[in-house]
Amino acid sequence: MHHEHTPHVEEHFTSSEVVTDIVIGMSDGLTVPFALAAGLSGAGGITTHMIVIAGLAEIAAGSIAMGLGGFLAGKTEVDHYNSELKREFWEVDHLPEREKQEVKEIFAEMGLSENTQELALNEMIKDKQKWVDFMMKYELGLEKPDEKRATKSALNIGSSYIAGGLVPLIPYFFANTPRGGLMVSAIITLVCLFIFGYFKSKITGQPPIKGALRVALIGSIAAGAAFTIATLISK
């Protein structure tokens, strides 16, 4: 029965990682290009065409930078696990008595009796790989990371950033003036930020409406500040 339950946990864990990636990519994708376009709308002598080009360039650069960040984070996790695994193998080979004692201590914490500890220990040390895996999980609290996770994470974050970034930019494709584009962009982006903030808060277990308002407010402040500064500099 217990065995059947395991894949479900694994699946849930993977899907939650994907959701985390999307949340990271979308939150920056909606906010940064929105603020950039708003800033350019406040600057003098800028056309909607220029804003679209600058916005697309920012989305390209931002998605690559964010994706690389996600890739490196995933890589670091794998490297850390592998270096700890190497050290654990070395300890099992060179300091077996100490490692056996550690296994017994872990079993003792689990509430196993002295006799059962001995039996379980003797079974485990027959298979070095199992022994090392046990130590990795229960002594160091490390689960084996997915080797492909870094690439998946980079693609998830990068594509979410592009999807988020296109939202504030699309109105400028159709607007005659930068300020006209900004009006529509602000309405659409703030609605999206609100919806996104609502789901983001639900996923992370925060109060959804409060979270939705907070995300929308941060986006508004960022864009408002960019617009005001650009207007002042232009004058």
Protein backbone atom coordinates (compact mmCIF):
# COMPACT_ATOMS: atom_id res chain seq x y z
CA MET A 1 0.00 0.00 0.00
CA HIS A 2 2.74 2.41 0.99
CA HIS A 3 4.63 1.62 -2.22
CA GLU A 4 1.69 2.72 -4.40
CA HIS A 5 1.57 6.06 -2.62
CA THR A 6 5.15 7.09 -3.50
CA PRO A 7 4.72 8.04 -7.20
CA HIS A 8 1.91 10.42 -6.23
CA VAL A 9 4.22 12.36 -3.88
CA GLU A 10 6.89 12.49 -6.59
CA GLU A 11 4.40 13.81 -9.14
CA HIS A 12 3.12 16.46 -6.76
CA PHE A 13 6.68 17.53 -6.01
CA THR A 14 7.54 17.91 -9.71
CA SER A 15 4.39 19.86 -10.52
CA SER A 16 5.02 22.20 -7.61
CA GLU A 17 8.52 22.89 -9.02
CA VAL A 18 7.00 23.80 -12.40
CA VAL A 19 4.50 26.10 -10.69
CA THR A 20 7.35 27.77 -8.78
CA ASP A 21 9.23 28.37 -12.06
CA ILE A 22 6.14 29.88 -13.70
CA VAL A 23 5.53 32.15 -10.70
CA ILE A 24 9.16 33.39 -10.81
CA GLY A 25 9.06 34.06 -14.56
CA MET A 26 5.58 35.60 -14.70
CA SER A 27 6.02 37.99 -11.77
CA ASP A 28 9.11 39.59 -13.32
CA GLY A 29 7.76 39.34 -16.87
CA LEU A 30 4.62 41.28 -16.01
CA THR A 31 6.41 43.91 -13.89
CA VAL A 32 9.71 44.81 -15.60
CA PRO A 33 8.59 45.32 -19.25
CA PHE A 34 5.49 47.16 -17.92
CA ALA A 35 7.66 49.58 -15.95
CA LEU A 36 10.06 50.00 -18.90
CA ALA A 37 7.24 50.80 -21.36
CA ALA A 38 5.66 53.18 -18.84
CA GLY A 39 8.98 54.97 -18.39
CA LEU A 40 9.45 55.34 -22.14
CA SER A 41 5.85 56.63 -22.45
CA GLY A 42 6.77 59.43 -20.07
CA ALA A 43 9.90 60.36 -22.02
CA GLY A 44 9.64 63.02 -24.74
CA GLY A 45 10.06 62.30 -28.45
CA ILE A 46 9.45 58.55 -28.17
CA THR A 47 7.11 56.76 -30.59
CA THR A 48 5.05 53.64 -29.88
CA HIS A 49 7.26 51.86 -32.45
CA MET A 50 10.37 52.61 -30.33
CA ILE A 51 8.62 51.38 -27.19
CA VAL A 52 7.69 48.10 -28.89
CA ILE A 53 11.30 47.55 -30.07
CA ALA A 54 12.77 48.43 -26.64
CA GLY A 55 10.17 46.27 -24.91
CA LEU A 56 10.86 43.25 -27.12
CA ALA A 57 14.61 43.66 -26.60
CA GLU A 58 14.05 43.78 -22.83
CA ILE A 59 11.85 40.67 -22.94
CA ALA A 60 14.55 38.81 -24.93
CA ALA A 61 17.33 39.87 -22.55
CA GLY A 62 15.22 39.37 -19.42
CA SER A 63 13.98 35.90 -20.36
CA ILE A 64 17.55 34.75 -21.12
CA ALA A 65 18.90 36.23 -17.88
CA MET A 66 16.06 34.76 -15.80
CA GLY A 67 16.33 31.40 -17.56
CA LEU A 68 20.08 31.27 -16.95
CA GLY A 69 19.50 32.07 -13.29
CA GLY A 70 17.10 29.14 -13.03
CA PHE A 71 19.51 26.90 -14.94
CA LEU A 72 22.42 27.73 -12.61
CA ALA A 73 20.27 27.21 -9.51
CA GLY A 74 19.34 23.72 -10.75
CA LYS A 75 22.96 22.95 -11.68
CA THR A 76 24.21 24.05 -8.24
CA GLU A 77 21.72 21.71 -6.56
CA VAL A 78 22.96 18.73 -8.61
CA ASP A 79 26.64 19.63 -8.02
CA HIS A 80 26.05 19.98 -4.27
CA TYR A 81 24.31 16.60 -4.12
CA ASN A 82 27.09 14.89 -6.11
CA SER A 83 29.91 16.30 -3.96
CA GLU A 84 28.09 15.22 -0.76
CA LEU A 85 27.49 11.77 -2.31
CA LYS A 86 31.22 11.41 -3.04
CA ARG A 87 32.11 12.35 0.53
CA GLU A 88 29.54 9.91 1.93
CA PHE A 89 31.00 7.03 -0.15
CA TRP A 90 34.46 7.95 1.15
CA GLU A 91 33.24 7.92 4.76
CA VAL A 92 31.53 4.54 4.34
CA ASP A 93 34.80 3.13 2.92
CA HIS A 94 37.22 4.76 5.38
CA LEU A 95 35.20 5.34 8.56
CA PRO A 96 32.68 2.46 8.55
CA GLU A 97 32.43 2.20 12.36
CA ARG A 98 31.51 5.86 12.72
CA GLU A 99 28.98 5.58 9.89
CA LYS A 100 27.44 2.44 11.46
CA GLN A 101 27.05 4.34 14.73
CA GLU A 102 25.34 7.18 12.87
CA VAL A 103 22.91 4.74 11.24
CA LYS A 104 22.05 3.30 14.66
CA GLU A 105 21.47 6.79 16.04
CA ILE A 106 19.07 7.55 13.19
CA PHE A 107 17.23 4.26 13.87
CA ALA A 108 17.12 5.10 17.59
CA GLU A 109 15.52 8.47 16.77
CA MET A 110 12.93 6.59 14.71
CA GLY A 111 12.09 4.65 17.88
CA LEU A 112 13.54 1.25 16.92
CA SER A 113 14.71 -1.02 19.74
CA GLU A 114 18.40 -1.93 20.19
CA ASN A 115 17.84 -5.40 18.66
CA THR A 116 15.95 -4.08 15.64
CA GLN A 117 18.65 -1.43 15.11
CA GLU A 118 21.30 -4.16 14.89
CA LEU A 119 19.20 -6.28 12.49
CA ALA A 120 18.41 -3.34 10.23
CA LEU A 121 22.03 -2.16 10.29
CA ASN A 122 23.38 -5.59 9.31
CA GLU A 123 20.93 -5.78 6.40
CA MET A 124 21.83 -2.31 5.19
CA ILE A 125 25.64 -2.58 5.21
CA LYS A 126 25.46 -5.52 2.78
CA ASP A 127 24.62 -3.03 0.02
CA LYS A 128 26.93 0.00 -0.02
CA GLN A 129 24.71 1.99 -2.42
CA LYS A 130 21.66 1.54 -0.16
CA TRP A 131 23.74 2.48 2.87
CA VAL A 132 25.00 5.68 1.23
CA ASP A 133 21.51 6.57 -0.05
CA PHE A 134 20.15 6.12 3.47
CA MET A 135 22.82 8.44 4.91
CA MET A 136 22.19 11.06 2.21
CA LYS A 137 18.50 11.12 2.97
CA TYR A 138 18.38 10.77 6.75
CA GLU A 139 21.71 12.21 7.91
CA LEU A 140 22.03 15.07 5.40
CA GLY A 141 18.36 15.45 4.43
CA LEU A 142 19.22 15.46 0.70
CA GLU A 143 16.96 13.97 -1.98
CA LYS A 144 18.52 13.05 -5.33
CA PRO A 145 17.74 15.98 -7.65
CA ASP A 146 16.51 15.52 -11.22
CA GLU A 147 19.51 15.86 -13.57
CA LYS A 148 17.28 17.46 -16.23
CA ARG A 149 15.77 19.90 -13.73
CA ALA A 150 18.19 22.76 -14.60
CA THR A 151 17.22 22.76 -18.29
CA LYS A 152 13.50 22.34 -17.54
CA SER A 153 13.66 25.17 -15.01
CA ALA A 154 15.43 27.49 -17.47
CA LEU A 155 12.79 26.83 -20.15
CA ASN A 156 9.87 27.22 -17.72
CA ILE A 157 11.13 30.50 -16.26
CA GLY A 158 12.25 31.93 -19.62
CA SER A 159 8.99 31.15 -21.42
CA SER A 160 6.90 32.42 -18.48
CA TYR A 161 8.86 35.67 -18.56
CA ILE A 162 8.14 36.07 -22.31
CA ALA A 163 4.43 35.32 -21.79
CA GLY A 164 4.24 37.81 -18.93
CA GLY A 165 6.27 40.45 -20.76
CA LEU A 166 4.11 40.44 -23.89
CA VAL A 167 1.00 41.38 -21.88
CA PRO A 168 1.99 45.03 -21.11
CA LEU A 169 3.57 45.42 -24.55
CA ILE A 170 0.71 44.31 -26.84
CA PRO A 171 -1.39 47.54 -26.44
CA TYR A 172 1.52 49.58 -27.85
CA PHE A 173 1.27 47.60 -31.11
CA PHE A 174 -2.16 49.15 -31.70
CA ALA A 175 -1.92 52.56 -29.99
CA ASN A 176 -1.30 55.81 -31.90
CA THR A 177 0.49 57.55 -29.00
CA PRO A 178 2.70 56.22 -26.20
CA ARG A 179 0.32 57.65 -23.57
CA GLY A 180 -2.67 56.00 -25.24
CA GLY A 181 -0.76 52.72 -25.21
CA LEU A 182 0.12 53.22 -21.55
CA MET A 183 -3.53 53.71 -20.54
CA VAL A 184 -4.58 50.37 -22.09
CA SER A 185 -1.35 48.65 -21.00
CA ALA A 186 -1.87 49.77 -17.39
CA ILE A 187 -5.45 48.47 -17.26
CA ILE A 188 -4.62 45.08 -18.86
CA THR A 189 -1.40 44.59 -16.87
CA LEU A 190 -2.94 45.51 -13.53
CA VAL A 191 -5.84 43.10 -14.12
CA CYS A 192 -3.31 40.37 -15.01
CA LEU A 193 -1.13 41.23 -11.99
CA PHE A 194 -4.21 41.05 -9.77
CA ILE A 195 -5.26 37.63 -11.17
CA PHE A 196 -1.67 36.38 -11.06
CA GLY A 197 -1.21 37.67 -7.48
CA TYR A 198 -4.43 35.92 -6.46
CA PHE A 199 -3.24 32.50 -7.74
CA LYS A 200 0.32 33.06 -6.53
CA SER A 201 -1.01 33.69 -3.00
CA LYS A 202 -3.31 30.65 -3.16
CA ILE A 203 -0.35 28.43 -4.14
CA THR A 204 1.89 29.81 -1.37
CA GLY A 205 -0.93 29.69 1.20
CA GLN A 206 -1.24 33.46 1.72
CA PRO A 207 -4.61 35.32 1.88
CA PRO A 208 -5.45 35.52 -1.88
CA ILE A 209 -7.13 38.96 -2.10
CA LYS A 210 -4.45 40.61 0.03
CA GLY A 211 -1.74 38.99 -2.10
CA ALA A 212 -3.48 40.00 -5.34
CA LEU A 213 -3.66 43.63 -4.21
CA ARG A 214 -0.03 43.58 -3.10
CA VAL A 215 1.25 42.25 -6.45
CA ALA A 216 -0.86 44.78 -8.39
CA LEU A 217 0.33 47.59 -6.12
CA ILE A 218 4.02 46.72 -6.61
CA GLY A 219 3.51 46.74 -10.40
CA SER A 220 1.71 50.12 -10.22
CA ILE A 221 4.42 51.69 -8.06
CA ALA A 222 7.20 50.42 -10.37
CA ALA A 223 5.48 51.72 -13.54
CA GLY A 224 4.38 54.97 -11.87
CA ALA A 225 7.90 55.68 -10.65
CA ALA A 226 9.40 54.95 -14.09
CA PHE A 227 6.83 57.20 -15.81
CA THR A 228 7.33 60.09 -13.33
CA ILE A 229 11.13 59.96 -13.45
CA ALA A 230 11.15 59.81 -17.27
CA THR A 231 8.72 62.76 -17.49
CA LEU A 232 10.86 64.85 -15.11
CA ILE A 233 14.11 64.03 -16.95
CA SER A 234 12.55 64.83 -20.33
CA LYS A 235 11.53 68.28 -19.10
